[in-house]
């Protein structure tokens, strides 16, 4: 079975590393999405021509 877990109220070093990596990935992902949205909003849309039948 699993061993007994003792919790002393603090995270381990490995847990802080994982938490930091996840937070960095979230911040980088949101930043990338925000950058793409701003870039797309700043572009001029091409003129829409009617379809020829």
PDB file of N, CA and C in Angstrom:
ATOM      1  N   UNK A   1       0.834  -1.193   0.000  1.00  0.00           N
ATOM      2  CA  UNK A   1       0.000   0.000   0.000  1.00  0.00           C
ATOM      3  C   UNK A   1       0.874   1.249   0.000  1.00  0.00           C
ATOM      4  N   UNK A   2       0.220   2.365   0.004  1.00  0.00           N
ATOM      5  CA  UNK A   2       0.938   3.634   0.013  1.00  0.00           C
ATOM      6  C   UNK A   2       1.475   3.930   1.404  1.00  0.00           C
ATOM      7  N   UNK A   3       2.583   4.654   1.447  1.00  0.00           N
ATOM      8  CA  UNK A   3       3.155   5.037   2.727  1.00  0.00           C
ATOM      9  C   UNK A   3       2.374   6.176   3.364  1.00  0.00           C
ATOM     10  N   UNK A   4       2.645   6.408   4.611  1.00  0.00           N
ATOM     11  CA  UNK A   4       1.971   7.475   5.334  1.00  0.00           C
ATOM     12  C   UNK A   4       2.508   8.829   4.858  1.00  0.00           C
ATOM     13  N   UNK A   5       1.631   9.774   4.619  1.00  0.00           N
ATOM     14  CA  UNK A   5       2.019  11.106   4.150  1.00  0.00           C
ATOM     15  C   UNK A   5       1.967  12.062   5.333  1.00  0.00           C
ATOM     16  N   UNK A   6       3.068  12.736   5.569  1.00  0.00           N
ATOM     17  CA  UNK A   6       3.099  13.745   6.619  1.00  0.00           C
ATOM     18  C   UNK A   6       3.099  15.118   5.965  1.00  0.00           C
ATOM     19  N   UNK A   7       2.134  15.918   6.308  1.00  0.00           N
ATOM     20  CA  UNK A   7       2.009  17.263   5.736  1.00  0.00           C
ATOM     21  C   UNK A   7       2.387  18.278   6.799  1.00  0.00           C
ATOM     22  N   UNK A   8       3.428  19.084   6.503  1.00  0.00           N
ATOM     23  CA  UNK A   8       3.888  20.066   7.484  1.00  0.00           C
ATOM     24  C   UNK A   8       3.469  21.491   7.133  1.00  0.00           C
ATOM     25  N   UNK A   9       2.542  21.650   6.184  1.00  0.00           N
ATOM     26  CA  UNK A   9       2.038  22.974   5.858  1.00  0.00           C
ATOM     27  C   UNK A   9       2.821  23.699   4.782  1.00  0.00           C
ATOM     28  N   UNK A  10       3.789  23.038   4.169  1.00  0.00           N
ATOM     29  CA  UNK A  10       4.589  23.673   3.124  1.00  0.00           C
ATOM     30  C   UNK A  10       4.694  22.739   1.931  1.00  0.00           C
ATOM     31  N   UNK A  11       4.900  23.367   0.755  1.00  0.00           N
ATOM     32  CA  UNK A  11       5.104  22.575  -0.453  1.00  0.00           C
ATOM     33  C   UNK A  11       6.573  22.176  -0.558  1.00  0.00           C
ATOM     34  N   UNK A  12       6.818  21.095  -1.257  1.00  0.00           N
ATOM     35  CA  UNK A  12       8.203  20.665  -1.479  1.00  0.00           C
ATOM     36  C   UNK A  12       8.813  21.491  -2.610  1.00  0.00           C
ATOM     37  N   UNK A  13      10.094  21.355  -2.798  1.00  0.00           N
ATOM     38  CA  UNK A  13      10.780  22.072  -3.871  1.00  0.00           C
ATOM     39  C   UNK A  13      10.264  21.670  -5.239  1.00  0.00           C
ATOM     40  N   UNK A  14       9.997  20.377  -5.425  1.00  0.00           N
ATOM     41  CA  UNK A  14       9.467  19.892  -6.693  1.00  0.00           C
ATOM     42  C   UNK A  14       8.087  20.477  -6.973  1.00  0.00           C
ATOM     43  N   UNK A  15       7.276  20.605  -5.946  1.00  0.00           N
ATOM     44  CA  UNK A  15       5.936  21.168  -6.128  1.00  0.00           C
ATOM     45  C   UNK A  15       6.027  22.631  -6.546  1.00  0.00           C
ATOM     46  N   UNK A  16       6.974  23.373  -5.994  1.00  0.00           N
ATOM     47  CA  UNK A  16       7.146  24.768  -6.392  1.00  0.00           C
ATOM     48  C   UNK A  16       7.609  24.882  -7.845  1.00  0.00           C
ATOM     49  N   UNK A  17       8.459  23.955  -8.271  1.00  0.00           N
ATOM     50  CA  UNK A  17       8.931  23.965  -9.662  1.00  0.00           C
ATOM     51  C   UNK A  17       7.757  23.698 -10.603  1.00  0.00           C
ATOM     52  N   UNK A  18       6.957  22.693 -10.300  1.00  0.00           N
ATOM     53  CA  UNK A  18       5.799  22.368 -11.134  1.00  0.00           C
ATOM     54  C   UNK A  18       4.814  23.535 -11.151  1.00  0.00           C
ATOM     55  N   UNK A  19       4.540  24.117 -10.011  1.00  0.00           N
ATOM     56  CA  UNK A  19       3.626  25.250  -9.920  1.00  0.00           C
ATOM     57  C   UNK A  19       4.130  26.438 -10.728  1.00  0.00           C
ATOM     58  N   UNK A  20       5.436  26.698 -10.679  1.00  0.00           N
ATOM     59  CA  UNK A  20       6.028  27.793 -11.435  1.00  0.00           C
ATOM     60  C   UNK A  20       5.926  27.551 -12.929  1.00  0.00           C
ATOM     61  N   UNK A  21       6.202  26.333 -13.369  1.00  0.00           N
ATOM     62  CA  UNK A  21       6.135  26.011 -14.799  1.00  0.00           C
ATOM     63  C   UNK A  21       4.707  26.150 -15.314  1.00  0.00           C
ATOM     64  N   UNK A  22       3.739  25.657 -14.567  1.00  0.00           N
ATOM     65  CA  UNK A  22       2.342  25.754 -14.980  1.00  0.00           C
ATOM     66  C   UNK A  22       1.903  27.214 -15.058  1.00  0.00           C
ATOM     67  N   UNK A  23       2.280  28.010 -14.073  1.00  0.00           N
ATOM     68  CA  UNK A  23       1.919  29.434 -14.090  1.00  0.00           C
ATOM     69  C   UNK A  23       2.562  30.154 -15.270  1.00  0.00           C
ATOM     70  N   UNK A  24       3.817  29.837 -15.568  1.00  0.00           N
ATOM     71  CA  UNK A  24       4.486  30.450 -16.713  1.00  0.00           C
ATOM     72  C   UNK A  24       3.812  30.052 -18.023  1.00  0.00           C
ATOM     73  N   UNK A  25       3.424  28.794 -18.146  1.00  0.00           N
ATOM     74  CA  UNK A  25       2.723  28.356 -19.352  1.00  0.00           C
ATOM     75  C   UNK A  25       1.392  29.077 -19.516  1.00  0.00           C
ATOM     76  N   UNK A  26       0.667  29.264 -18.433  1.00  0.00           N
ATOM     77  CA  UNK A  26      -0.599  29.985 -18.493  1.00  0.00           C
ATOM     78  C   UNK A  26      -0.393  31.440 -18.911  1.00  0.00           C
ATOM     79  N   UNK A  27       0.573  32.105 -18.307  1.00  0.00           N
ATOM     80  CA  UNK A  27       0.832  33.503 -18.629  1.00  0.00           C
ATOM     81  C   UNK A  27       1.285  33.639 -20.080  1.00  0.00           C
ATOM     82  N   UNK A  28       2.174  32.752 -20.524  1.00  0.00           N
ATOM     83  CA  UNK A  28       2.646  32.811 -21.904  1.00  0.00           C
ATOM     84  C   UNK A  28       1.511  32.517 -22.886  1.00  0.00           C
ATOM     85  N   UNK A  29       0.647  31.582 -22.568  1.00  0.00           N
ATOM     86  CA  UNK A  29      -0.486  31.255 -23.435  1.00  0.00           C
ATOM     87  C   UNK A  29      -1.467  32.400 -23.553  1.00  0.00           C
ATOM     88  N   UNK A  30      -1.811  33.015 -22.422  1.00  0.00           N
ATOM     89  CA  UNK A  30      -2.722  34.157 -22.463  1.00  0.00           C
ATOM     90  C   UNK A  30      -2.088  35.344 -23.177  1.00  0.00           C
ATOM     91  N   UNK A  31      -0.798  35.545 -22.990  1.00  0.00           N
ATOM     92  CA  UNK A  31      -0.099  36.636 -23.673  1.00  0.00           C
ATOM     93  C   UNK A  31      -0.105  36.415 -25.178  1.00  0.00           C
ATOM     94  N   UNK A  32       0.144  35.176 -25.608  1.00  0.00           N
ATOM     95  CA  UNK A  32       0.142  34.863 -27.029  1.00  0.00           C
ATOM     96  C   UNK A  32      -1.243  35.099 -27.635  1.00  0.00           C
ATOM     97  N   UNK A  33      -2.286  34.653 -26.935  1.00  0.00           N
ATOM     98  CA  UNK A  33      -3.655  34.852 -27.427  1.00  0.00           C
ATOM     99  C   UNK A  33      -3.993  36.340 -27.511  1.00  0.00           C
ATOM    100  N   UNK A  34      -3.607  37.106 -26.508  1.00  0.00           N
ATOM    101  CA  UNK A  34      -3.862  38.542 -26.497  1.00  0.00           C
ATOM    102  C   UNK A  34      -3.119  39.215 -27.646  1.00  0.00           C
ATOM    103  N   UNK A  35      -1.865  38.819 -27.883  1.00  0.00           N
ATOM    104  CA  UNK A  35      -1.077  39.373 -28.975  1.00  0.00           C
ATOM    105  C   UNK A  35      -1.744  39.084 -30.316  1.00  0.00           C
ATOM    106  N   UNK A  36      -2.195  37.852 -30.501  1.00  0.00           N
ATOM    107  CA  UNK A  36      -2.841  37.487 -31.761  1.00  0.00           C
ATOM    108  C   UNK A  36      -4.145  38.261 -31.959  1.00  0.00           C
ATOM    109  N   UNK A  37      -4.904  38.475 -30.892  1.00  0.00           N
ATOM    110  CA  UNK A  37      -6.163  39.216 -31.000  1.00  0.00           C
ATOM    111  C   UNK A  37      -5.896  40.681 -31.349  1.00  0.00           C
ATOM    112  N   UNK A  38      -4.897  41.288 -30.731  1.00  0.00           N
ATOM    113  CA  UNK A  38      -4.564  42.678 -31.027  1.00  0.00           C
ATOM    114  C   UNK A  38      -4.045  42.797 -32.456  1.00  0.00           C
ATOM    115  N   UNK A  39      -3.231  41.842 -32.873  1.00  0.00           N
ATOM    116  CA  UNK A  39      -2.690  41.858 -34.231  1.00  0.00           C
ATOM    117  C   UNK A  39      -3.816  41.716 -35.252  1.00  0.00           C
ATOM    118  N   UNK A  40      -4.762  40.834 -34.998  1.00  0.00           N
ATOM    119  CA  UNK A  40      -5.876  40.622 -35.921  1.00  0.00           C
ATOM    120  C   UNK A  40      -6.807  41.831 -35.950  1.00  0.00           C
ATOM    121  N   UNK A  41      -6.993  42.495 -34.827  1.00  0.00           N
ATOM    122  CA  UNK A  41      -7.880  43.647 -34.777  1.00  0.00           C
ATOM    123  C   UNK A  41      -7.272  44.851 -35.496  1.00  0.00           C
ATOM    124  N   UNK A  42      -5.956  44.905 -35.581  1.00  0.00           N
ATOM    125  CA  UNK A  42      -5.300  46.042 -36.211  1.00  0.00           C
ATOM    126  C   UNK A  42      -5.186  45.924 -37.715  1.00  0.00           C
ATOM    127  N   UNK A  43      -5.502  44.767 -38.277  1.00  0.00           N
ATOM    128  CA  UNK A  43      -5.380  44.589 -39.717  1.00  0.00           C
ATOM    129  C   UNK A  43      -6.597  45.145 -40.430  1.00  0.00           C
ATOM    130  N   UNK A  44      -6.360  45.637 -41.637  1.00  0.00           N
ATOM    131  CA  UNK A  44      -7.462  46.099 -42.461  1.00  0.00           C
ATOM    132  C   UNK A  44      -8.074  44.890 -43.151  1.00  0.00           C
ATOM    133  N   UNK A  45      -9.362  44.803 -43.117  1.00  0.00           N
ATOM    134  CA  UNK A  45     -10.036  43.685 -43.769  1.00  0.00           C
ATOM    135  C   UNK A  45     -10.048  43.911 -45.277  1.00  0.00           C
ATOM    136  N   UNK A  46      -9.894  42.825 -46.021  1.00  0.00           N
ATOM    137  CA  UNK A  46      -9.980  42.922 -47.471  1.00  0.00           C
ATOM    138  C   UNK A  46     -11.410  43.252 -47.876  1.00  0.00           C
ATOM    139  N   UNK A  47     -11.527  43.952 -48.986  1.00  0.00           N
ATOM    140  CA  UNK A  47     -12.864  44.293 -49.477  1.00  0.00           C
ATOM    141  C   UNK A  47     -13.566  43.026 -49.922  1.00  0.00           C
ATOM    142  N   UNK A  48     -14.793  42.861 -49.473  1.00  0.00           N
ATOM    143  CA  UNK A  48     -15.556  41.687 -49.846  1.00  0.00           C
ATOM    144  C   UNK A  48     -16.293  41.962 -51.143  1.00  0.00           C
ATOM    145  N   UNK A  49     -15.999  41.163 -52.136  1.00  0.00           N
ATOM    146  CA  UNK A  49     -16.646  41.299 -53.425  1.00  0.00           C
ATOM    147  C   UNK A  49     -17.780  40.297 -53.521  1.00  0.00           C
ATOM    148  N   UNK A  50     -18.857  40.649 -54.233  1.00  0.00           N
ATOM    149  CA  UNK A  50     -19.948  39.678 -54.390  1.00  0.00           C
ATOM    150  C   UNK A  50     -19.488  38.495 -55.242  1.00  0.00           C
ATOM    151  N   UNK A  51     -20.021  37.339 -54.924  1.00  0.00           N
ATOM    152  CA  UNK A  51     -19.674  36.147 -55.707  1.00  0.00           C
ATOM    153  C   UNK A  51     -20.297  36.255 -57.089  1.00  0.00           C
ATOM    154  N   UNK A  52     -19.561  35.812 -58.089  1.00  0.00           N
ATOM    155  CA  UNK A  52     -20.091  35.832 -59.441  1.00  0.00           C
ATOM    156  C   UNK A  52     -20.873  34.541 -59.665  1.00  0.00           C
ATOM    157  N   UNK A  53     -22.004  34.691 -60.293  1.00  0.00           N
ATOM    158  CA  UNK A  53     -22.872  33.527 -60.527  1.00  0.00           C
ATOM    159  C   UNK A  53     -22.720  33.052 -61.941  1.00  0.00           C
TER     160      UNK A  53
END
